[in-house]
Amino acid sequence: YKADEQDLALQEINAALLQIPDHKNLLSLKQTLEASFNPNSSYAKAEKLYRGVGGPQNRARAAFYYKKAAELGHIQAMNDIGVAYADGDGIRRDDKQAMEWFKKSAKLGDSEAMYNLALGYLFSDVRNTDKALPWVTQAAEKEYRPAYMLIGWMTTTGTGASANRVKAIRWDLKGMVNPISSVLHSQYRIPKKWQDDFINQYKKATNTGP
């Protein structure tokens, strides 16, 4: 395998170890491979595979490298592997795992992970609406723009927050004067399923849906 294909080599070694679990050379080779991963280079590799830059797009391999980078402490990778788990993108869908990674990243200060964690508390399979507001508020305080709309909806409907029309209007206005351009929108990493569920609820609450 090439130097940037550690994941494929590791996959082969793990398959072989299922047949001969105590093979010393294979165990040693696996240990060497595991030690060769670096958080930044693993994240860069994940991004290339995710976007299909410099080669074919491969979401499964991208998820492997996002997770490896996340396990090594890369904050953005923690958010991105969380999104992969939430959407089942390149990896088996698992909302609980998604939330665990979002929480790790959010606690380290990532505003997007704060938003995604709040979104998960509202729309995932492991929802807990009472925990959403503190996280989305922190994201908004860091000027993460999607958070404005979410707080506006929460305070309009009284979902995970006290219904307060004045606060709702204030947050909605903040969202209006800080629009999200198509370029900026394309850079966000937000679970599609959860966000789609939120947008549907937002349209119902604001009578802006079809």
C-alpha atoms as a PDB file:
ATOM      1  CA  TYR A   1       0.000   0.000   0.000  1.00  0.00           C
ATOM      2  CA  LYS A   2       1.009   3.620  -0.564  1.00  0.00           C
ATOM      3  CA  ALA A   3       2.060   5.835   2.322  1.00  0.00           C
ATOM      4  CA  ASP A   4      -1.335   7.554   2.374  1.00  0.00           C
ATOM      5  CA  GLU A   5      -3.284   4.288   2.449  1.00  0.00           C
ATOM      6  CA  GLN A   6      -2.686   3.277   6.061  1.00  0.00           C
ATOM      7  CA  ASP A   7      -6.401   2.659   6.459  1.00  0.00           C
ATOM      8  CA  LEU A   8      -6.434   0.011   3.726  1.00  0.00           C
ATOM      9  CA  ALA A   9      -3.331  -1.669   5.115  1.00  0.00           C
ATOM     10  CA  LEU A  10      -4.816  -1.674   8.610  1.00  0.00           C
ATOM     11  CA  GLN A  11      -8.016  -3.177   7.250  1.00  0.00           C
ATOM     12  CA  GLU A  12      -6.056  -6.064   5.728  1.00  0.00           C
ATOM     13  CA  ILE A  13      -4.077  -6.615   8.924  1.00  0.00           C
ATOM     14  CA  ASN A  14      -7.220  -6.665  11.069  1.00  0.00           C
ATOM     15  CA  ALA A  15      -8.813  -9.178   8.707  1.00  0.00           C
ATOM     16  CA  ALA A  16      -5.738 -11.391   8.955  1.00  0.00           C
ATOM     17  CA  LEU A  17      -5.683 -11.109  12.756  1.00  0.00           C
ATOM     18  CA  LEU A  18      -9.207 -12.491  12.889  1.00  0.00           C
ATOM     19  CA  GLN A  19      -7.772 -15.704  11.458  1.00  0.00           C
ATOM     20  CA  ILE A  20      -4.490 -15.696  13.392  1.00  0.00           C
ATOM     21  CA  PRO A  21      -4.992 -13.379  16.396  1.00  0.00           C
ATOM     22  CA  ASP A  22      -1.620 -14.025  18.054  1.00  0.00           C
ATOM     23  CA  HIS A  23       0.597 -13.516  14.999  1.00  0.00           C
ATOM     24  CA  LYS A  24       3.511 -11.486  16.413  1.00  0.00           C
ATOM     25  CA  ASN A  25       4.626  -9.913  13.133  1.00  0.00           C
ATOM     26  CA  LEU A  26       1.108  -8.783  12.280  1.00  0.00           C
ATOM     27  CA  LEU A  27       0.565  -7.390  15.776  1.00  0.00           C
ATOM     28  CA  SER A  28       3.852  -5.520  15.548  1.00  0.00           C
ATOM     29  CA  LEU A  29       2.987  -4.165  12.111  1.00  0.00           C
ATOM     30  CA  LYS A  30      -0.427  -3.045  13.369  1.00  0.00           C
ATOM     31  CA  GLN A  31       1.182  -1.255  16.299  1.00  0.00           C
ATOM     32  CA  THR A  32       3.600   0.512  13.942  1.00  0.00           C
ATOM     33  CA  LEU A  33       0.770   1.560  11.640  1.00  0.00           C
ATOM     34  CA  GLU A  34      -1.375   2.839  14.500  1.00  0.00           C
ATOM     35  CA  ALA A  35       1.537   4.931  15.759  1.00  0.00           C
ATOM     36  CA  SER A  36       2.008   6.491  12.311  1.00  0.00           C
ATOM     37  CA  PHE A  37      -1.300   8.382  12.358  1.00  0.00           C
ATOM     38  CA  ASN A  38      -1.137  12.124  12.959  1.00  0.00           C
ATOM     39  CA  PRO A  39      -4.219  14.243  13.776  1.00  0.00           C
ATOM     40  CA  ASN A  40      -3.565  16.984  11.226  1.00  0.00           C
ATOM     41  CA  SER A  41      -2.480  14.754   8.353  1.00  0.00           C
ATOM     42  CA  SER A  42      -5.349  12.349   9.066  1.00  0.00           C
ATOM     43  CA  TYR A  43      -7.814  15.246   8.956  1.00  0.00           C
ATOM     44  CA  ALA A  44      -6.324  16.543   5.703  1.00  0.00           C
ATOM     45  CA  LYS A  45      -6.619  13.065   4.197  1.00  0.00           C
ATOM     46  CA  ALA A  46     -10.234  12.815   5.371  1.00  0.00           C
ATOM     47  CA  GLU A  47     -11.085  16.144   3.731  1.00  0.00           C
ATOM     48  CA  LYS A  48      -9.595  15.044   0.401  1.00  0.00           C
ATOM     49  CA  LEU A  49     -11.504  11.769   0.460  1.00  0.00           C
ATOM     50  CA  TYR A  50     -14.712  13.478   1.575  1.00  0.00           C
ATOM     51  CA  ARG A  51     -14.575  16.052  -1.212  1.00  0.00           C
ATOM     52  CA  GLY A  52     -12.917  13.931  -3.895  1.00  0.00           C
ATOM     53  CA  VAL A  53      -9.866  16.181  -4.162  1.00  0.00           C
ATOM     54  CA  GLY A  54      -6.872  14.624  -5.920  1.00  0.00           C
ATOM     55  CA  GLY A  55      -8.709  11.342  -6.376  1.00  0.00           C
ATOM     56  CA  PRO A  56     -12.122   9.698  -6.197  1.00  0.00           C
ATOM     57  CA  GLN A  57     -14.541  10.588  -3.428  1.00  0.00           C
ATOM     58  CA  ASN A  58     -14.755   7.881  -0.766  1.00  0.00           C
ATOM     59  CA  ARG A  59     -16.937   8.693   2.229  1.00  0.00           C
ATOM     60  CA  ALA A  60     -16.177   5.425   4.053  1.00  0.00           C
ATOM     61  CA  ARG A  61     -12.430   6.087   3.972  1.00  0.00           C
ATOM     62  CA  ALA A  62     -13.083   9.728   4.852  1.00  0.00           C
ATOM     63  CA  ALA A  63     -15.016   8.630   7.943  1.00  0.00           C
ATOM     64  CA  PHE A  64     -12.117   6.391   8.959  1.00  0.00           C
ATOM     65  CA  TYR A  65      -9.663   9.287   8.842  1.00  0.00           C
ATOM     66  CA  TYR A  66     -12.051  11.740  10.513  1.00  0.00           C
ATOM     67  CA  LYS A  67     -12.471   9.292  13.371  1.00  0.00           C
ATOM     68  CA  LYS A  68      -8.745   8.656  13.611  1.00  0.00           C
ATOM     69  CA  ALA A  69      -8.023  12.403  13.711  1.00  0.00           C
ATOM     70  CA  ALA A  70     -10.792  12.876  16.286  1.00  0.00           C
ATOM     71  CA  GLU A  71      -9.390  10.116  18.493  1.00  0.00           C
ATOM     72  CA  LEU A  72      -6.044  11.931  18.340  1.00  0.00           C
ATOM     73  CA  GLY A  73      -7.627  15.183  19.540  1.00  0.00           C
ATOM     74  CA  HIS A  74      -8.465  17.117  16.355  1.00  0.00           C
ATOM     75  CA  ILE A  75     -11.412  19.335  17.364  1.00  0.00           C
ATOM     76  CA  GLN A  76     -12.899  19.868  13.883  1.00  0.00           C
ATOM     77  CA  ALA A  77     -12.598  16.148  13.148  1.00  0.00           C
ATOM     78  CA  MET A  78     -14.646  15.415  16.270  1.00  0.00           C
ATOM     79  CA  ASN A  79     -17.472  17.488  14.812  1.00  0.00           C
ATOM     80  CA  ASP A  80     -17.124  15.981  11.350  1.00  0.00           C
ATOM     81  CA  ILE A  81     -17.169  12.357  12.493  1.00  0.00           C
ATOM     82  CA  GLY A  82     -20.214  13.313  14.556  1.00  0.00           C
ATOM     83  CA  VAL A  83     -21.948  14.495  11.385  1.00  0.00           C
ATOM     84  CA  ALA A  84     -20.955  11.271   9.620  1.00  0.00           C
ATOM     85  CA  TYR A  85     -22.513   9.213  12.427  1.00  0.00           C
ATOM     86  CA  ALA A  86     -25.677  11.344  12.480  1.00  0.00           C
ATOM     87  CA  ASP A  87     -26.220  11.043   8.730  1.00  0.00           C
ATOM     88  CA  GLY A  88     -24.852   7.519   8.273  1.00  0.00           C
ATOM     89  CA  ASP A  89     -22.406   9.013   5.783  1.00  0.00           C
ATOM     90  CA  GLY A  90     -19.598   6.523   5.194  1.00  0.00           C
ATOM     91  CA  ILE A  91     -20.261   4.864   8.535  1.00  0.00           C
ATOM     92  CA  ARG A  92     -23.209   3.170  10.245  1.00  0.00           C
ATOM     93  CA  ARG A  93     -25.717   5.735  11.508  1.00  0.00           C
ATOM     94  CA  ASP A  94     -25.522   6.102  15.289  1.00  0.00           C
ATOM     95  CA  ASP A  95     -27.041   9.169  16.958  1.00  0.00           C
ATOM     96  CA  LYS A  96     -25.554   8.285  20.342  1.00  0.00           C
ATOM     97  CA  GLN A  97     -22.026   8.217  18.911  1.00  0.00           C
ATOM     98  CA  ALA A  98     -22.734  11.440  17.024  1.00  0.00           C
ATOM     99  CA  MET A  99     -23.769  13.202  20.213  1.00  0.00           C
ATOM    100  CA  GLU A 100     -20.726  11.950  22.113  1.00  0.00           C
ATOM    101  CA  TRP A 101     -18.391  13.406  19.488  1.00  0.00           C
ATOM    102  CA  PHE A 102     -20.297  16.696  19.288  1.00  0.00           C
ATOM    103  CA  LYS A 103     -20.096  17.014  23.063  1.00  0.00           C
ATOM    104  CA  LYS A 104     -16.324  16.425  23.077  1.00  0.00           C
ATOM    105  CA  SER A 105     -15.788  19.036  20.374  1.00  0.00           C
ATOM    106  CA  ALA A 106     -18.226  21.514  21.943  1.00  0.00           C
ATOM    107  CA  LYS A 107     -16.516  21.269  25.325  1.00  0.00           C
ATOM    108  CA  LEU A 108     -13.268  22.195  23.568  1.00  0.00           C
ATOM    109  CA  GLY A 109     -14.878  25.346  22.181  1.00  0.00           C
ATOM    110  CA  ASP A 110     -16.040  24.467  18.658  1.00  0.00           C
ATOM    111  CA  SER A 111     -19.096  26.625  17.882  1.00  0.00           C
ATOM    112  CA  GLU A 112     -20.379  24.358  15.115  1.00  0.00           C
ATOM    113  CA  ALA A 113     -20.275  21.357  17.439  1.00  0.00           C
ATOM    114  CA  MET A 114     -22.182  23.406  20.032  1.00  0.00           C
ATOM    115  CA  TYR A 115     -24.909  24.019  17.466  1.00  0.00           C
ATOM    116  CA  ASN A 116     -24.948  20.387  16.336  1.00  0.00           C
ATOM    117  CA  LEU A 117     -25.137  19.201  19.944  1.00  0.00           C
ATOM    118  CA  ALA A 118     -28.141  21.462  20.556  1.00  0.00           C
ATOM    119  CA  LEU A 119     -29.723  20.286  17.309  1.00  0.00           C
ATOM    120  CA  GLY A 120     -29.241  16.682  18.429  1.00  0.00           C
ATOM    121  CA  TYR A 121     -30.850  17.353  21.797  1.00  0.00           C
ATOM    122  CA  LEU A 122     -33.869  18.589  19.839  1.00  0.00           C
ATOM    123  CA  PHE A 123     -34.076  16.224  16.859  1.00  0.00           C
ATOM    124  CA  SER A 124     -31.907  13.110  17.313  1.00  0.00           C
ATOM    125  CA  ASP A 125     -32.942   9.655  18.498  1.00  0.00           C
ATOM    126  CA  VAL A 126     -31.454  10.518  21.911  1.00  0.00           C
ATOM    127  CA  ARG A 127     -33.112  13.919  22.269  1.00  0.00           C
ATOM    128  CA  ASN A 128     -33.283  15.815  25.540  1.00  0.00           C
ATOM    129  CA  THR A 129     -34.810  19.216  24.815  1.00  0.00           C
ATOM    130  CA  ASP A 130     -33.936  20.686  28.219  1.00  0.00           C
ATOM    131  CA  LYS A 131     -30.217  20.504  27.391  1.00  0.00           C
ATOM    132  CA  ALA A 132     -30.338  22.299  24.032  1.00  0.00           C
ATOM    133  CA  LEU A 133     -30.595  25.978  24.972  1.00  0.00           C
ATOM    134  CA  PRO A 134     -27.267  26.429  26.823  1.00  0.00           C
ATOM    135  CA  TRP A 135     -25.316  24.968  23.905  1.00  0.00           C
ATOM    136  CA  VAL A 136     -27.071  26.833  21.097  1.00  0.00           C
ATOM    137  CA  THR A 137     -26.745  30.045  23.138  1.00  0.00           C
ATOM    138  CA  GLN A 138     -22.991  29.521  23.393  1.00  0.00           C
ATOM    139  CA  ALA A 139     -22.838  28.946  19.639  1.00  0.00           C
ATOM    140  CA  ALA A 140     -24.784  32.169  19.048  1.00  0.00           C
ATOM    141  CA  GLU A 141     -22.476  34.090  21.384  1.00  0.00           C
ATOM    142  CA  LYS A 142     -19.595  32.898  19.208  1.00  0.00           C
ATOM    143  CA  GLU A 143     -21.523  34.339  16.221  1.00  0.00           C
ATOM    144  CA  TYR A 144     -22.262  30.977  14.632  1.00  0.00           C
ATOM    145  CA  ARG A 145     -25.068  32.213  12.393  1.00  0.00           C
ATOM    146  CA  PRO A 146     -27.335  29.137  12.137  1.00  0.00           C
ATOM    147  CA  ALA A 147     -27.756  29.354  15.920  1.00  0.00           C
ATOM    148  CA  TYR A 148     -29.760  32.595  15.659  1.00  0.00           C
ATOM    149  CA  MET A 149     -32.554  30.902  13.736  1.00  0.00           C
ATOM    150  CA  LEU A 150     -32.644  27.911  16.084  1.00  0.00           C
ATOM    151  CA  ILE A 151     -32.942  30.069  19.208  1.00  0.00           C
ATOM    152  CA  GLY A 152     -35.627  32.110  17.472  1.00  0.00           C
ATOM    153  CA  TRP A 153     -37.642  28.954  16.829  1.00  0.00           C
ATOM    154  CA  MET A 154     -37.110  27.627  20.347  1.00  0.00           C
ATOM    155  CA  THR A 155     -38.319  30.848  21.966  1.00  0.00           C
ATOM    156  CA  THR A 156     -41.213  31.148  19.509  1.00  0.00           C
ATOM    157  CA  THR A 157     -42.528  27.646  20.181  1.00  0.00           C
ATOM    158  CA  GLY A 158     -41.383  27.180  23.777  1.00  0.00           C
ATOM    159  CA  THR A 159     -39.361  24.121  22.764  1.00  0.00           C
ATOM    160  CA  GLY A 160     -36.531  23.646  25.258  1.00  0.00           C
ATOM    161  CA  ALA A 161     -36.946  27.293  26.278  1.00  0.00           C
ATOM    162  CA  SER A 162     -39.571  29.600  27.723  1.00  0.00           C
ATOM    163  CA  ALA A 163     -41.808  30.986  25.006  1.00  0.00           C
ATOM    164  CA  ASN A 164     -40.879  34.640  24.608  1.00  0.00           C
ATOM    165  CA  ARG A 165     -42.002  36.436  21.484  1.00  0.00           C
ATOM    166  CA  VAL A 166     -39.791  39.482  22.138  1.00  0.00           C
ATOM    167  CA  LYS A 167     -36.654  37.328  22.414  1.00  0.00           C
ATOM    168  CA  ALA A 168     -37.729  35.309  19.388  1.00  0.00           C
ATOM    169  CA  ILE A 169     -38.057  38.444  17.262  1.00  0.00           C
ATOM    170  CA  ARG A 170     -34.677  39.699  18.480  1.00  0.00           C
ATOM    171  CA  TRP A 171     -32.953  36.487  17.439  1.00  0.00           C
ATOM    172  CA  ASP A 172     -34.823  36.308  14.136  1.00  0.00           C
ATOM    173  CA  LEU A 173     -33.758  39.875  13.359  1.00  0.00           C
ATOM    174  CA  LYS A 174     -30.162  39.040  14.199  1.00  0.00           C
ATOM    175  CA  GLY A 175     -30.381  36.202  11.708  1.00  0.00           C
ATOM    176  CA  MET A 176     -31.846  38.504   9.065  1.00  0.00           C
ATOM    177  CA  VAL A 177     -29.060  41.088   9.377  1.00  0.00           C
ATOM    178  CA  ASN A 178     -26.428  38.332   9.318  1.00  0.00           C
ATOM    179  CA  PRO A 179     -27.538  36.294   6.285  1.00  0.00           C
ATOM    180  CA  ILE A 180     -25.807  33.049   5.381  1.00  0.00           C
ATOM    181  CA  SER A 181     -24.353  33.220   1.872  1.00  0.00           C
ATOM    182  CA  SER A 182     -24.305  30.140  -0.345  1.00  0.00           C
ATOM    183  CA  VAL A 183     -20.513  30.027  -0.025  1.00  0.00           C
ATOM    184  CA  LEU A 184     -20.682  30.124   3.770  1.00  0.00           C
ATOM    185  CA  HIS A 185     -23.523  27.598   3.818  1.00  0.00           C
ATOM    186  CA  SER A 186     -21.439  25.140   1.786  1.00  0.00           C
ATOM    187  CA  GLN A 187     -18.733  25.245   4.454  1.00  0.00           C
ATOM    188  CA  TYR A 188     -20.998  24.199   7.308  1.00  0.00           C
ATOM    189  CA  ARG A 189     -20.941  20.626   8.626  1.00  0.00           C
ATOM    190  CA  ILE A 190     -24.397  20.052  10.087  1.00  0.00           C
ATOM    191  CA  PRO A 191     -26.330  16.740  10.217  1.00  0.00           C
ATOM    192  CA  LYS A 192     -28.666  16.913   7.226  1.00  0.00           C
ATOM    193  CA  LYS A 193     -31.473  14.847   8.739  1.00  0.00           C
ATOM    194  CA  TRP A 194     -31.625  16.838  11.960  1.00  0.00           C
ATOM    195  CA  GLN A 195     -31.364  20.161  10.137  1.00  0.00           C
ATOM    196  CA  ASP A 196     -34.100  19.176   7.679  1.00  0.00           C
ATOM    197  CA  ASP A 197     -36.357  18.231  10.600  1.00  0.00           C
ATOM    198  CA  PHE A 198     -35.652  21.599  12.198  1.00  0.00           C
ATOM    199  CA  ILE A 199     -36.348  23.565   9.006  1.00  0.00           C
ATOM    200  CA  ASN A 200     -39.676  21.766   8.603  1.00  0.00           C
ATOM    201  CA  GLN A 201     -40.648  22.675  12.167  1.00  0.00           C
ATOM    202  CA  TYR A 202     -39.458  26.252  11.657  1.00  0.00           C
ATOM    203  CA  LYS A 203     -41.622  26.655   8.553  1.00  0.00           C
ATOM    204  CA  LYS A 204     -44.664  25.365  10.426  1.00  0.00           C
ATOM    205  CA  ALA A 205     -44.071  27.721  13.340  1.00  0.00           C
ATOM    206  CA  THR A 206     -43.523  30.770  11.132  1.00  0.00           C
ATOM    207  CA  ASN A 207     -46.050  29.929   8.402  1.00  0.00           C
ATOM    208  CA  THR A 208     -43.308  30.072   5.774  1.00  0.00           C
ATOM    209  CA  GLY A 209     -43.706  26.530   4.508  1.00  0.00           C
ATOM    210  CA  PRO A 210     -45.545  25.331   1.388  1.00  0.00           C
END
